[in-house]
Amino acid sequence: MKKQSHQSDAPAFSPRLAHYLSRFCGWLLHTCEQSMFVWSYQQPEFSTSETLTKREREVLTLMCHGYGLEDIARTLNITPATVTKHKQHIYQQLGVHNVRDALHVSYHCGLVSFLDELYEWRNN
């Protein structure tokens, strides 16, 4: 006698839940990789947190969250040209020449923290 299967054509998760779950897992993986990479180095002897303005730190945080130029401009209600100027100053202050290095140094210096991001995400 053949055993009947009770499989359903319905997905295990709703598409919306699956979307949020995949975004969270991607963010968590990215953040953990960044943290592990940064923690493998010693803390620098200099502090750049005093040299960046509040707005520049906001731009840097959004960069760390993966926002692009247009997204940062829209989120902060400023022009893309202003975002570009902020990024140039951030690069100059951090002593870097690209986004990847800016993110690395910002985690390394403690300007952006994995725990702060996790706490912020949890409260939203």
PDB file of N, CA and C in Angstrom:
ATOM      1  N   MET A   1       0.837  -1.169   0.000  1.00  0.00           N
ATOM      2  CA  MET A   1       0.000   0.000   0.000  1.00  0.00           C
ATOM      3  C   MET A   1       0.891   1.244   0.000  1.00  0.00           C
ATOM      4  N   LYS A   2       0.560   2.219  -0.811  1.00  0.00           N
ATOM      5  CA  LYS A   2       1.338   3.441  -0.961  1.00  0.00           C
ATOM      6  C   LYS A   2       0.946   4.440   0.124  1.00  0.00           C
ATOM      7  N   LYS A   3       1.970   5.000   0.775  1.00  0.00           N
ATOM      8  CA  LYS A   3       1.745   5.989   1.830  1.00  0.00           C
ATOM      9  C   LYS A   3       1.458   7.349   1.195  1.00  0.00           C
ATOM     10  N   GLN A   4       0.397   8.005   1.638  1.00  0.00           N
ATOM     11  CA  GLN A   4       0.040   9.299   1.073  1.00  0.00           C
ATOM     12  C   GLN A   4       0.852  10.409   1.724  1.00  0.00           C
ATOM     13  N   SER A   5       1.227  11.346   0.913  1.00  0.00           N
ATOM     14  CA  SER A   5       2.000  12.498   1.376  1.00  0.00           C
ATOM     15  C   SER A   5       1.048  13.653   1.639  1.00  0.00           C
ATOM     16  N   HIS A   6       1.313  14.398   2.667  1.00  0.00           N
ATOM     17  CA  HIS A   6       0.481  15.556   3.000  1.00  0.00           C
ATOM     18  C   HIS A   6       1.225  16.840   2.700  1.00  0.00           C
ATOM     19  N   GLN A   7       1.818  16.922   1.537  1.00  0.00           N
ATOM     20  CA  GLN A   7       2.542  18.122   1.145  1.00  0.00           C
ATOM     21  C   GLN A   7       1.566  19.168   0.648  1.00  0.00           C
ATOM     22  N   SER A   8       1.881  20.387   0.958  1.00  0.00           N
ATOM     23  CA  SER A   8       1.048  21.499   0.523  1.00  0.00           C
ATOM     24  C   SER A   8       1.823  22.324  -0.493  1.00  0.00           C
ATOM     25  N   ASP A   9       1.097  22.940  -1.390  1.00  0.00           N
ATOM     26  CA  ASP A   9       1.737  23.818  -2.366  1.00  0.00           C
ATOM     27  C   ASP A   9       2.035  25.193  -1.772  1.00  0.00           C
ATOM     28  N   ALA A  10       1.497  25.454  -0.605  1.00  0.00           N
ATOM     29  CA  ALA A  10       1.712  26.757   0.037  1.00  0.00           C
ATOM     30  C   ALA A  10       3.134  26.832   0.602  1.00  0.00           C
ATOM     31  N   PRO A  11       3.784  27.997   0.483  1.00  0.00           N
ATOM     32  CA  PRO A  11       5.131  28.132   1.044  1.00  0.00           C
ATOM     33  C   PRO A  11       5.094  28.083   2.568  1.00  0.00           C
ATOM     34  N   ALA A  12       6.226  27.718   3.158  1.00  0.00           N
ATOM     35  CA  ALA A  12       6.320  27.631   4.614  1.00  0.00           C
ATOM     36  C   ALA A  12       6.198  29.012   5.261  1.00  0.00           C
ATOM     37  N   PHE A  13       6.680  30.044   4.575  1.00  0.00           N
ATOM     38  CA  PHE A  13       6.599  31.421   5.067  1.00  0.00           C
ATOM     39  C   PHE A  13       5.858  32.264   4.047  1.00  0.00           C
ATOM     40  N   SER A  14       5.248  33.323   4.515  1.00  0.00           N
ATOM     41  CA  SER A  14       4.648  34.263   3.575  1.00  0.00           C
ATOM     42  C   SER A  14       5.789  34.961   2.839  1.00  0.00           C
ATOM     43  N   PRO A  15       5.552  35.424   1.621  1.00  0.00           N
ATOM     44  CA  PRO A  15       6.615  36.119   0.882  1.00  0.00           C
ATOM     45  C   PRO A  15       7.168  37.333   1.643  1.00  0.00           C
ATOM     46  N   ARG A  16       6.297  38.039   2.343  1.00  0.00           N
ATOM     47  CA  ARG A  16       6.743  39.215   3.093  1.00  0.00           C
ATOM     48  C   ARG A  16       7.673  38.806   4.241  1.00  0.00           C
ATOM     49  N   LEU A  17       7.290  37.758   4.980  1.00  0.00           N
ATOM     50  CA  LEU A  17       8.133  37.279   6.075  1.00  0.00           C
ATOM     51  C   LEU A  17       9.454  36.748   5.539  1.00  0.00           C
ATOM     52  N   ALA A  18       9.402  36.022   4.431  1.00  0.00           N
ATOM     53  CA  ALA A  18      10.623  35.495   3.819  1.00  0.00           C
ATOM     54  C   ALA A  18      11.545  36.636   3.406  1.00  0.00           C
ATOM     55  N   HIS A  19      10.977  37.715   2.872  1.00  0.00           N
ATOM     56  CA  HIS A  19      11.764  38.887   2.470  1.00  0.00           C
ATOM     57  C   HIS A  19      12.465  39.505   3.676  1.00  0.00           C
ATOM     58  N   TYR A  20      11.720  39.745   4.758  1.00  0.00           N
ATOM     59  CA  TYR A  20      12.310  40.335   5.960  1.00  0.00           C
ATOM     60  C   TYR A  20      13.349  39.413   6.586  1.00  0.00           C
ATOM     61  N   LEU A  21      13.069  38.138   6.586  1.00  0.00           N
ATOM     62  CA  LEU A  21      14.006  37.170   7.140  1.00  0.00           C
ATOM     63  C   LEU A  21      15.301  37.139   6.336  1.00  0.00           C
ATOM     64  N   SER A  22      15.189  37.171   5.019  1.00  0.00           N
ATOM     65  CA  SER A  22      16.395  37.159   4.187  1.00  0.00           C
ATOM     66  C   SER A  22      17.187  38.446   4.343  1.00  0.00           C
ATOM     67  N   ARG A  23      16.505  39.586   4.453  1.00  0.00           N
ATOM     68  CA  ARG A  23      17.209  40.857   4.679  1.00  0.00           C
ATOM     69  C   ARG A  23      17.926  40.852   6.022  1.00  0.00           C
ATOM     70  N   PHE A  24      17.248  40.341   7.056  1.00  0.00           N
ATOM     71  CA  PHE A  24      17.869  40.290   8.377  1.00  0.00           C
ATOM     72  C   PHE A  24      19.089  39.371   8.367  1.00  0.00           C
ATOM     73  N   CYS A  25      18.961  38.213   7.754  1.00  0.00           N
ATOM     74  CA  CYS A  25      20.086  37.275   7.699  1.00  0.00           C
ATOM     75  C   CYS A  25      21.255  37.872   6.923  1.00  0.00           C
ATOM     76  N   GLY A  26      20.977  38.547   5.823  1.00  0.00           N
ATOM     77  CA  GLY A  26      22.030  39.203   5.061  1.00  0.00           C
ATOM     78  C   GLY A  26      22.716  40.289   5.868  1.00  0.00           C
ATOM     79  N   TRP A  27      21.919  41.101   6.559  1.00  0.00           N
ATOM     80  CA  TRP A  27      22.484  42.159   7.401  1.00  0.00           C
ATOM     81  C   TRP A  27      23.320  41.557   8.520  1.00  0.00           C
ATOM     82  N   LEU A  28      22.803  40.517   9.165  1.00  0.00           N
ATOM     83  CA  LEU A  28      23.511  39.890  10.274  1.00  0.00           C
ATOM     84  C   LEU A  28      24.837  39.288   9.809  1.00  0.00           C
ATOM     85  N   LEU A  29      24.816  38.607   8.683  1.00  0.00           N
ATOM     86  CA  LEU A  29      26.037  38.020   8.143  1.00  0.00           C
ATOM     87  C   LEU A  29      27.059  39.108   7.811  1.00  0.00           C
ATOM     88  N   HIS A  30      26.609  40.148   7.130  1.00  0.00           N
ATOM     89  CA  HIS A  30      27.495  41.260   6.760  1.00  0.00           C
ATOM     90  C   HIS A  30      28.101  41.901   8.010  1.00  0.00           C
ATOM     91  N   THR A  31      27.277  42.170   9.000  1.00  0.00           N
ATOM     92  CA  THR A  31      27.735  42.823  10.220  1.00  0.00           C
ATOM     93  C   THR A  31      28.708  41.943  10.994  1.00  0.00           C
ATOM     94  N   CYS A  32      28.409  40.667  11.078  1.00  0.00           N
ATOM     95  CA  CYS A  32      29.317  39.747  11.782  1.00  0.00           C
ATOM     96  C   CYS A  32      30.657  39.646  11.070  1.00  0.00           C
ATOM     97  N   GLU A  33      30.624  39.573   9.737  1.00  0.00           N
ATOM     98  CA  GLU A  33      31.879  39.517   8.987  1.00  0.00           C
ATOM     99  C   GLU A  33      32.698  40.778   9.208  1.00  0.00           C
ATOM    100  N   GLN A  34      32.034  41.937   9.163  1.00  0.00           N
ATOM    101  CA  GLN A  34      32.735  43.201   9.403  1.00  0.00           C
ATOM    102  C   GLN A  34      33.341  43.219  10.796  1.00  0.00           C
ATOM    103  N   SER A  35      32.571  42.817  11.772  1.00  0.00           N
ATOM    104  CA  SER A  35      33.041  42.838  13.161  1.00  0.00           C
ATOM    105  C   SER A  35      34.217  41.898  13.366  1.00  0.00           C
ATOM    106  N   MET A  36      34.129  40.700  12.803  1.00  0.00           N
ATOM    107  CA  MET A  36      35.228  39.747  12.956  1.00  0.00           C
ATOM    108  C   MET A  36      36.487  40.271  12.290  1.00  0.00           C
ATOM    109  N   PHE A  37      36.338  40.896  11.136  1.00  0.00           N
ATOM    110  CA  PHE A  37      37.482  41.443  10.424  1.00  0.00           C
ATOM    111  C   PHE A  37      38.128  42.567  11.233  1.00  0.00           C
ATOM    112  N   VAL A  38      37.305  43.449  11.761  1.00  0.00           N
ATOM    113  CA  VAL A  38      37.815  44.588  12.529  1.00  0.00           C
ATOM    114  C   VAL A  38      38.421  44.133  13.840  1.00  0.00           C
ATOM    115  N   TRP A  39      37.790  43.203  14.516  1.00  0.00           N
ATOM    116  CA  TRP A  39      38.301  42.744  15.806  1.00  0.00           C
ATOM    117  C   TRP A  39      39.636  42.026  15.679  1.00  0.00           C
ATOM    118  N   SER A  40      39.994  41.628  14.468  1.00  0.00           N
ATOM    119  CA  SER A  40      41.265  40.938  14.287  1.00  0.00           C
ATOM    120  C   SER A  40      42.441  41.915  14.322  1.00  0.00           C
ATOM    121  N   TYR A  41      42.164  43.198  14.342  1.00  0.00           N
ATOM    122  CA  TYR A  41      43.200  44.224  14.411  1.00  0.00           C
ATOM    123  C   TYR A  41      43.170  44.903  15.771  1.00  0.00           C
ATOM    124  N   GLN A  42      44.258  45.558  16.120  1.00  0.00           N
ATOM    125  CA  GLN A  42      44.296  46.348  17.353  1.00  0.00           C
ATOM    126  C   GLN A  42      43.584  47.669  17.117  1.00  0.00           C
ATOM    127  N   GLN A  43      43.119  48.253  18.203  1.00  0.00           N
ATOM    128  CA  GLN A  43      42.499  49.565  18.110  1.00  0.00           C
ATOM    129  C   GLN A  43      43.554  50.605  17.744  1.00  0.00           C
ATOM    130  N   PRO A  44      43.230  51.556  16.896  1.00  0.00           N
ATOM    131  CA  PRO A  44      44.206  52.585  16.540  1.00  0.00           C
ATOM    132  C   PRO A  44      44.475  53.515  17.718  1.00  0.00           C
ATOM    133  N   GLU A  45      45.595  54.198  17.643  1.00  0.00           N
ATOM    134  CA  GLU A  45      45.981  55.109  18.721  1.00  0.00           C
ATOM    135  C   GLU A  45      45.379  56.495  18.544  1.00  0.00           C
ATOM    136  N   PHE A  46      44.727  56.739  17.422  1.00  0.00           N
ATOM    137  CA  PHE A  46      44.141  58.053  17.191  1.00  0.00           C
ATOM    138  C   PHE A  46      42.626  57.968  17.222  1.00  0.00           C
ATOM    139  N   SER A  47      41.992  59.092  17.473  1.00  0.00           N
ATOM    140  CA  SER A  47      40.538  59.141  17.496  1.00  0.00           C
ATOM    141  C   SER A  47      40.068  60.164  16.474  1.00  0.00           C
ATOM    142  N   THR A  48      39.191  59.747  15.590  1.00  0.00           N
ATOM    143  CA  THR A  48      38.687  60.652  14.563  1.00  0.00           C
ATOM    144  C   THR A  48      37.269  61.105  14.861  1.00  0.00           C
ATOM    145  N   SER A  49      36.683  60.617  15.938  1.00  0.00           N
ATOM    146  CA  SER A  49      35.282  60.939  16.201  1.00  0.00           C
ATOM    147  C   SER A  49      35.076  62.428  16.444  1.00  0.00           C
ATOM    148  N   GLU A  50      36.086  63.107  16.967  1.00  0.00           N
ATOM    149  CA  GLU A  50      35.943  64.542  17.218  1.00  0.00           C
ATOM    150  C   GLU A  50      36.089  65.361  15.936  1.00  0.00           C
ATOM    151  N   THR A  51      36.693  64.777  14.899  1.00  0.00           N
ATOM    152  CA  THR A  51      36.937  65.541  13.683  1.00  0.00           C
ATOM    153  C   THR A  51      35.778  65.466  12.692  1.00  0.00           C
ATOM    154  N   LEU A  52      34.862  64.527  12.877  1.00  0.00           N
ATOM    155  CA  LEU A  52      33.712  64.427  11.992  1.00  0.00           C
ATOM    156  C   LEU A  52      32.521  65.148  12.613  1.00  0.00           C
ATOM    157  N   THR A  53      31.809  65.889  11.765  1.00  0.00           N
ATOM    158  CA  THR A  53      30.609  66.570  12.249  1.00  0.00           C
ATOM    159  C   THR A  53      29.499  65.543  12.463  1.00  0.00           C
ATOM    160  N   LYS A  54      28.444  65.993  13.132  1.00  0.00           N
ATOM    161  CA  LYS A  54      27.301  65.103  13.365  1.00  0.00           C
ATOM    162  C   LYS A  54      26.731  64.607  12.034  1.00  0.00           C
ATOM    163  N   ARG A  55      26.607  65.501  11.070  1.00  0.00           N
ATOM    164  CA  ARG A  55      26.053  65.135   9.762  1.00  0.00           C
ATOM    165  C   ARG A  55      26.975  64.142   9.039  1.00  0.00           C
ATOM    166  N   GLU A  56      28.278  64.344   9.142  1.00  0.00           N
ATOM    167  CA  GLU A  56      29.221  63.416   8.517  1.00  0.00           C
ATOM    168  C   GLU A  56      29.124  62.031   9.163  1.00  0.00           C
ATOM    169  N   ARG A  57      28.926  61.994  10.472  1.00  0.00           N
ATOM    170  CA  ARG A  57      28.753  60.700  11.138  1.00  0.00           C
ATOM    171  C   ARG A  57      27.454  60.036  10.702  1.00  0.00           C
ATOM    172  N   GLU A  58      26.410  60.837  10.448  1.00  0.00           N
ATOM    173  CA  GLU A  58      25.158  60.279   9.930  1.00  0.00           C
ATOM    174  C   GLU A  58      25.374  59.679   8.538  1.00  0.00           C
ATOM    175  N   VAL A  59      26.104  60.403   7.689  1.00  0.00           N
ATOM    176  CA  VAL A  59      26.416  59.904   6.346  1.00  0.00           C
ATOM    177  C   VAL A  59      27.220  58.614   6.450  1.00  0.00           C
ATOM    178  N   LEU A  60      28.217  58.600   7.317  1.00  0.00           N
ATOM    179  CA  LEU A  60      29.054  57.420   7.510  1.00  0.00           C
ATOM    180  C   LEU A  60      28.228  56.224   7.984  1.00  0.00           C
ATOM    181  N   THR A  61      27.323  56.456   8.914  1.00  0.00           N
ATOM    182  CA  THR A  61      26.467  55.381   9.417  1.00  0.00           C
ATOM    183  C   THR A  61      25.602  54.812   8.297  1.00  0.00           C
ATOM    184  N   LEU A  62      25.024  55.685   7.489  1.00  0.00           N
ATOM    185  CA  LEU A  62      24.197  55.208   6.369  1.00  0.00           C
ATOM    186  C   LEU A  62      25.046  54.456   5.346  1.00  0.00           C
ATOM    187  N   MET A  63      26.276  54.908   5.131  1.00  0.00           N
ATOM    188  CA  MET A  63      27.191  54.176   4.253  1.00  0.00           C
ATOM    189  C   MET A  63      27.417  52.773   4.792  1.00  0.00           C
ATOM    190  N   CYS A  64      27.597  52.672   6.096  1.00  0.00           N
ATOM    191  CA  CYS A  64      27.809  51.362   6.731  1.00  0.00           C
ATOM    192  C   CYS A  64      26.583  50.468   6.622  1.00  0.00           C
ATOM    193  N   HIS A  65      25.427  51.068   6.498  1.00  0.00           N
ATOM    194  CA  HIS A  65      24.187  50.300   6.337  1.00  0.00           C
ATOM    195  C   HIS A  65      23.942  49.933   4.874  1.00  0.00           C
ATOM    196  N   GLY A  66      24.871  50.325   3.997  1.00  0.00           N
ATOM    197  CA  GLY A  66      24.763  49.954   2.595  1.00  0.00           C
ATOM    198  C   GLY A  66      23.995  50.934   1.728  1.00  0.00           C
ATOM    199  N   TYR A  67      23.702  52.118   2.242  1.00  0.00           N
ATOM    200  CA  TYR A  67      22.980  53.114   1.455  1.00  0.00           C
ATOM    201  C   TYR A  67      23.904  53.689   0.382  1.00  0.00           C
ATOM    202  N   GLY A  68      23.349  53.935  -0.788  1.00  0.00           N
ATOM    203  CA  GLY A  68      24.076  54.584  -1.867  1.00  0.00           C
ATOM    204  C   GLY A  68      23.927  56.096  -1.787  1.00  0.00           C
ATOM    205  N   LEU A  69      24.568  56.780  -2.698  1.00  0.00           N
ATOM    206  CA  LEU A  69      24.565  58.246  -2.719  1.00  0.00           C
ATOM    207  C   LEU A  69      23.152  58.822  -2.720  1.00  0.00           C
ATOM    208  N   GLU A  70      22.312  58.358  -3.639  1.00  0.00           N
ATOM    209  CA  GLU A  70      20.941  58.875  -3.753  1.00  0.00           C
ATOM    210  C   GLU A  70      20.117  58.543  -2.507  1.00  0.00           C
ATOM    211  N   ASP A  71      20.302  57.337  -1.964  1.00  0.00           N
ATOM    212  CA  ASP A  71      19.550  56.928  -0.768  1.00  0.00           C
ATOM    213  C   ASP A  71      19.929  57.786   0.439  1.00  0.00           C
ATOM    214  N   ILE A  72      21.217  58.067   0.579  1.00  0.00           N
ATOM    215  CA  ILE A  72      21.674  58.907   1.694  1.00  0.00           C
ATOM    216  C   ILE A  72      21.091  60.309   1.551  1.00  0.00           C
ATOM    217  N   ALA A  73      21.151  60.848   0.333  1.00  0.00           N
ATOM    218  CA  ALA A  73      20.614  62.196   0.085  1.00  0.00           C
ATOM    219  C   ALA A  73      19.127  62.254   0.418  1.00  0.00           C
ATOM    220  N   ARG A  74      18.380  61.261  -0.026  1.00  0.00           N
ATOM    221  CA  ARG A  74      16.935  61.229   0.220  1.00  0.00           C
ATOM    222  C   ARG A  74      16.638  61.074   1.721  1.00  0.00           C
ATOM    223  N   THR A  75      17.379  60.193   2.396  1.00  0.00           N
ATOM    224  CA  THR A  75      17.151  59.939   3.819  1.00  0.00           C
ATOM    225  C   THR A  75      17.438  61.168   4.672  1.00  0.00           C
ATOM    226  N   LEU A  76      18.526  61.878   4.344  1.00  0.00           N
ATOM    227  CA  LEU A  76      18.925  63.047   5.135  1.00  0.00           C
ATOM    228  C   LEU A  76      18.345  64.353   4.601  1.00  0.00           C
ATOM    229  N   ASN A  77      17.594  64.264   3.480  1.00  0.00           N
ATOM    230  CA  ASN A  77      16.974  65.424   2.864  1.00  0.00           C
ATOM    231  C   ASN A  77      18.014  66.479   2.475  1.00  0.00           C
ATOM    232  N   ILE A  78      19.086  66.010   1.821  1.00  0.00           N
ATOM    233  CA  ILE A  78      20.134  66.891   1.303  1.00  0.00           C
ATOM    234  C   ILE A  78      20.406  66.491  -0.141  1.00  0.00           C
ATOM    235  N   THR A  79      21.163  67.299  -0.854  1.00  0.00           N
ATOM    236  CA  THR A  79      21.445  67.000  -2.256  1.00  0.00           C
ATOM    237  C   THR A  79      22.555  65.957  -2.364  1.00  0.00           C
ATOM    238  N   PRO A  80      22.572  65.220  -3.479  1.00  0.00           N
ATOM    239  CA  PRO A  80      23.666  64.271  -3.693  1.00  0.00           C
ATOM    240  C   PRO A  80      25.039  64.950  -3.687  1.00  0.00           C
ATOM    241  N   ALA A  81      25.100  66.193  -4.171  1.00  0.00           N
ATOM    242  CA  ALA A  81      26.378  66.918  -4.162  1.00  0.00           C
ATOM    243  C   ALA A  81      26.857  67.151  -2.723  1.00  0.00           C
ATOM    244  N   THR A  82      25.928  67.431  -1.822  1.00  0.00           N
ATOM    245  CA  THR A  82      26.285  67.619  -0.410  1.00  0.00           C
ATOM    246  C   THR A  82      26.777  66.311   0.191  1.00  0.00           C
ATOM    247  N   VAL A  83      26.125  65.211  -0.165  1.00  0.00           N
ATOM    248  CA  VAL A  83      26.571  63.906   0.312  1.00  0.00           C
ATOM    249  C   VAL A  83      27.991  63.643  -0.181  1.00  0.00           C
ATOM    250  N   THR A  84      28.257  63.959  -1.438  1.00  0.00           N
ATOM    251  CA  THR A  84      29.593  63.762  -2.002  1.00  0.00           C
ATOM    252  C   THR A  84      30.624  64.576  -1.233  1.00  0.00           C
ATOM    253  N   LYS A  85      30.303  65.812  -0.898  1.00  0.00           N
ATOM    254  CA  LYS A  85      31.222  66.649  -0.114  1.00  0.00           C
ATOM    255  C   LYS A  85      31.469  66.046   1.268  1.00  0.00           C
ATOM    256  N   HIS A  86      30.411  65.574   1.917  1.00  0.00           N
ATOM    257  CA  HIS A  86      30.559  64.930   3.224  1.00  0.00           C
ATOM    258  C   HIS A  86      31.457  63.692   3.105  1.00  0.00           C
ATOM    259  N   LYS A  87      31.232  62.892   2.068  1.00  0.00           N
ATOM    260  CA  LYS A  87      32.044  61.690   1.882  1.00  0.00           C
ATOM    261  C   LYS A  87      33.511  62.054   1.655  1.00  0.00           C
ATOM    262  N   GLN A  88      33.768  63.110   0.886  1.00  0.00           N
ATOM    263  CA  GLN A  88      35.151  63.543   0.658  1.00  0.00           C
ATOM    264  C   GLN A  88      35.822  63.927   1.972  1.00  0.00           C
ATOM    265  N   HIS A  89      35.095  64.661   2.817  1.00  0.00           N
ATOM    266  CA  HIS A  89      35.662  65.062   4.099  1.00  0.00           C
ATOM    267  C   HIS A  89      35.871  63.848   5.005  1.00  0.00           C
ATOM    268  N   ILE A  90      34.933  62.920   4.985  1.00  0.00           N
ATOM    269  CA  ILE A  90      35.072  61.687   5.766  1.00  0.00           C
ATOM    270  C   ILE A  90      36.327  60.939   5.322  1.00  0.00           C
ATOM    271  N   TYR A  91      36.496  60.778   4.013  1.00  0.00           N
ATOM    272  CA  TYR A  91      37.670  60.076   3.487  1.00  0.00           C
ATOM    273  C   TYR A  91      38.958  60.779   3.926  1.00  0.00           C
ATOM    274  N   GLN A  92      38.948  62.098   3.834  1.00  0.00           N
ATOM    275  CA  GLN A  92      40.133  62.883   4.213  1.00  0.00           C
ATOM    276  C   GLN A  92      40.448  62.685   5.700  1.00  0.00           C
ATOM    277  N   GLN A  93      39.433  62.770   6.545  1.00  0.00           N
ATOM    278  CA  GLN A  93      39.643  62.642   7.982  1.00  0.00           C
ATOM    279  C   GLN A  93      40.071  61.233   8.379  1.00  0.00           C
ATOM    280  N   LEU A  94      39.557  60.232   7.680  1.00  0.00           N
ATOM    281  CA  LEU A  94      39.906  58.854   7.996  1.00  0.00           C
ATOM    282  C   LEU A  94      41.193  58.400   7.305  1.00  0.00           C
ATOM    283  N   GLY A  95      41.656  59.211   6.351  1.00  0.00           N
ATOM    284  CA  GLY A  95      42.881  58.862   5.627  1.00  0.00           C
ATOM    285  C   GLY A  95      42.693  57.717   4.652  1.00  0.00           C
ATOM    286  N   VAL A  96      41.529  57.683   4.002  1.00  0.00           N
ATOM    287  CA  VAL A  96      41.212  56.611   3.059  1.00  0.00           C
ATOM    288  C   VAL A  96      40.804  57.209   1.717  1.00  0.00           C
ATOM    289  N   HIS A  97      40.604  56.315   0.721  1.00  0.00           N
ATOM    290  CA  HIS A  97      40.272  56.790  -0.624  1.00  0.00           C
ATOM    291  C   HIS A  97      39.041  56.131  -1.227  1.00  0.00           C
ATOM    292  N   ASN A  98      38.389  55.239  -0.464  1.00  0.00           N
ATOM    293  CA  ASN A  98      37.197  54.590  -1.008  1.00  0.00           C
ATOM    294  C   ASN A  98      36.261  54.154   0.123  1.00  0.00           C
ATOM    295  N   VAL A  99      35.064  53.754  -0.269  1.00  0.00           N
ATOM    296  CA  VAL A  99      34.024  53.387   0.703  1.00  0.00           C
ATOM    297  C   VAL A  99      34.449  52.188   1.553  1.00  0.00           C
ATOM    298  N   ARG A 100      34.991  51.179   0.905  1.00  0.00           N
ATOM    299  CA  ARG A 100      35.377  49.955   1.629  1.00  0.00           C
ATOM    300  C   ARG A 100      36.356  50.274   2.753  1.00  0.00           C
ATOM    301  N   ASP A 101      37.375  51.073   2.452  1.00  0.00           N
ATOM    302  CA  ASP A 101      38.353  51.421   3.481  1.00  0.00           C
ATOM    303  C   ASP A 101      37.750  52.326   4.554  1.00  0.00           C
ATOM    304  N   ALA A 102      36.837  53.219   4.146  1.00  0.00           N
ATOM    305  CA  ALA A 102      36.171  54.085   5.125  1.00  0.00           C
ATOM    306  C   ALA A 102      35.352  53.251   6.107  1.00  0.00           C
ATOM    307  N   LEU A 103      34.664  52.234   5.603  1.00  0.00           N
ATOM    308  CA  LEU A 103      33.871  51.372   6.477  1.00  0.00           C
ATOM    309  C   LEU A 103      34.778  50.574   7.413  1.00  0.00           C
ATOM    310  N   HIS A 104      35.865  50.079   6.869  1.00  0.00           N
ATOM    311  CA  HIS A 104      36.809  49.327   7.697  1.00  0.00           C
ATOM    312  C   HIS A 104      37.351  50.193   8.827  1.00  0.00           C
ATOM    313  N   VAL A 105      37.814  51.389   8.500  1.00  0.00           N
ATOM    314  CA  VAL A 105      38.380  52.279   9.518  1.00  0.00           C
ATOM    315  C   VAL A 105      37.319  52.715  10.510  1.00  0.00           C
ATOM    316  N   SER A 106      36.102  52.962  10.048  1.00  0.00           N
ATOM    317  CA  SER A 106      35.051  53.420  10.956  1.00  0.00           C
ATOM    318  C   SER A 106      34.706  52.348  11.988  1.00  0.00           C
ATOM    319  N   TYR A 107      34.665  51.080  11.572  1.00  0.00           N
ATOM    320  CA  TYR A 107      34.457  50.001  12.540  1.00  0.00           C
ATOM    321  C   TYR A 107      35.676  49.875  13.454  1.00  0.00           C
ATOM    322  N   HIS A 108      36.845  49.967  12.854  1.00  0.00           N
ATOM    323  CA  HIS A 108      38.100  49.806  13.587  1.00  0.00           C
ATOM    324  C   HIS A 108      38.271  50.889  14.658  1.00  0.00           C
ATOM    325  N   CYS A 109      37.870  52.113  14.345  1.00  0.00           N
ATOM    326  CA  CYS A 109      38.006  53.235  15.290  1.00  0.00           C
ATOM    327  C   CYS A 109      36.848  53.313  16.274  1.00  0.00           C
ATOM    328  N   GLY A 110      35.819  52.535  16.044  1.00  0.00           N
ATOM    329  CA  GLY A 110      34.668  52.581  16.934  1.00  0.00           C
ATOM    330  C   GLY A 110      33.675  53.666  16.592  1.00  0.00           C
ATOM    331  N   LEU A 111      33.818  54.270  15.401  1.00  0.00           N
ATOM    332  CA  LEU A 111      32.838  55.279  14.981  1.00  0.00           C
ATOM    333  C   LEU A 111      31.487  54.640  14.711  1.00  0.00           C
ATOM    334  N   VAL A 112      31.513  53.397  14.266  1.00  0.00           N
ATOM    335  CA  VAL A 112      30.307  52.621  14.023  1.00  0.00           C
ATOM    336  C   VAL A 112      30.490  51.309  14.752  1.00  0.00           C
ATOM    337  N   SER A 113      29.467  50.899  15.478  1.00  0.00           N
ATOM    338  CA  SER A 113      29.568  49.698  16.291  1.00  0.00           C
ATOM    339  C   SER A 113      28.535  48.673  15.868  1.00  0.00           C
ATOM    340  N   PHE A 114      28.948  47.440  15.813  1.00  0.00           N
ATOM    341  CA  PHE A 114      28.033  46.336  15.534  1.00  0.00           C
ATOM    342  C   PHE A 114      26.913  46.308  16.569  1.00  0.00           C
ATOM    343  N   LEU A 115      27.246  46.511  17.832  1.00  0.00           N
ATOM    344  CA  LEU A 115      26.239  46.450  18.893  1.00  0.00           C
ATOM    345  C   LEU A 115      25.247  47.596  18.787  1.00  0.00           C
ATOM    346  N   ASP A 116      25.704  48.792  18.427  1.00  0.00           N
ATOM    347  CA  ASP A 116      24.794  49.917  18.232  1.00  0.00           C
ATOM    348  C   ASP A 116      23.804  49.622  17.111  1.00  0.00           C
ATOM    349  N   GLU A 117      24.307  49.048  16.015  1.00  0.00           N
ATOM    350  CA  GLU A 117      23.439  48.718  14.887  1.00  0.00           C
ATOM    351  C   GLU A 117      22.412  47.668  15.279  1.00  0.00           C
ATOM    352  N   LEU A 118      22.841  46.666  16.012  1.00  0.00           N
ATOM    353  CA  LEU A 118      21.931  45.612  16.442  1.00  0.00           C
ATOM    354  C   LEU A 118      20.860  46.182  17.367  1.00  0.00           C
ATOM    355  N   TYR A 119      21.255  47.032  18.304  1.00  0.00           N
ATOM    356  CA  TYR A 119      20.315  47.650  19.228  1.00  0.00           C
ATOM    357  C   TYR A 119      19.320  48.531  18.471  1.00  0.00           C
ATOM    358  N   GLU A 120      19.823  49.315  17.506  1.00  0.00           N
ATOM    359  CA  GLU A 120      18.957  50.195  16.721  1.00  0.00           C
ATOM    360  C   GLU A 120      17.967  49.378  15.909  1.00  0.00           C
ATOM    361  N   TRP A 121      18.421  48.283  15.290  1.00  0.00           N
ATOM    362  CA  TRP A 121      17.551  47.450  14.480  1.00  0.00           C
ATOM    363  C   TRP A 121      16.469  46.820  15.350  1.00  0.00           C
ATOM    364  N   ARG A 122      16.857  46.376  16.542  1.00  0.00           N
ATOM    365  CA  ARG A 122      15.910  45.706  17.444  1.00  0.00           C
ATOM    366  C   ARG A 122      14.811  46.654  17.902  1.00  0.00           C
ATOM    367  N   ASN A 123      15.128  47.930  18.076  1.00  0.00           N
ATOM    368  CA  ASN A 123      14.157  48.898  18.571  1.00  0.00           C
ATOM    369  C   ASN A 123      13.280  49.482  17.473  1.00  0.00           C
ATOM    370  N   ASN A 124      13.549  49.173  16.217  1.00  0.00           N
ATOM    371  CA  ASN A 124      12.719  49.696  15.121  1.00  0.00           C
ATOM    372  C   ASN A 124      11.631  48.752  14.747  1.00  0.00           C
TER     373      ASN A 124
END
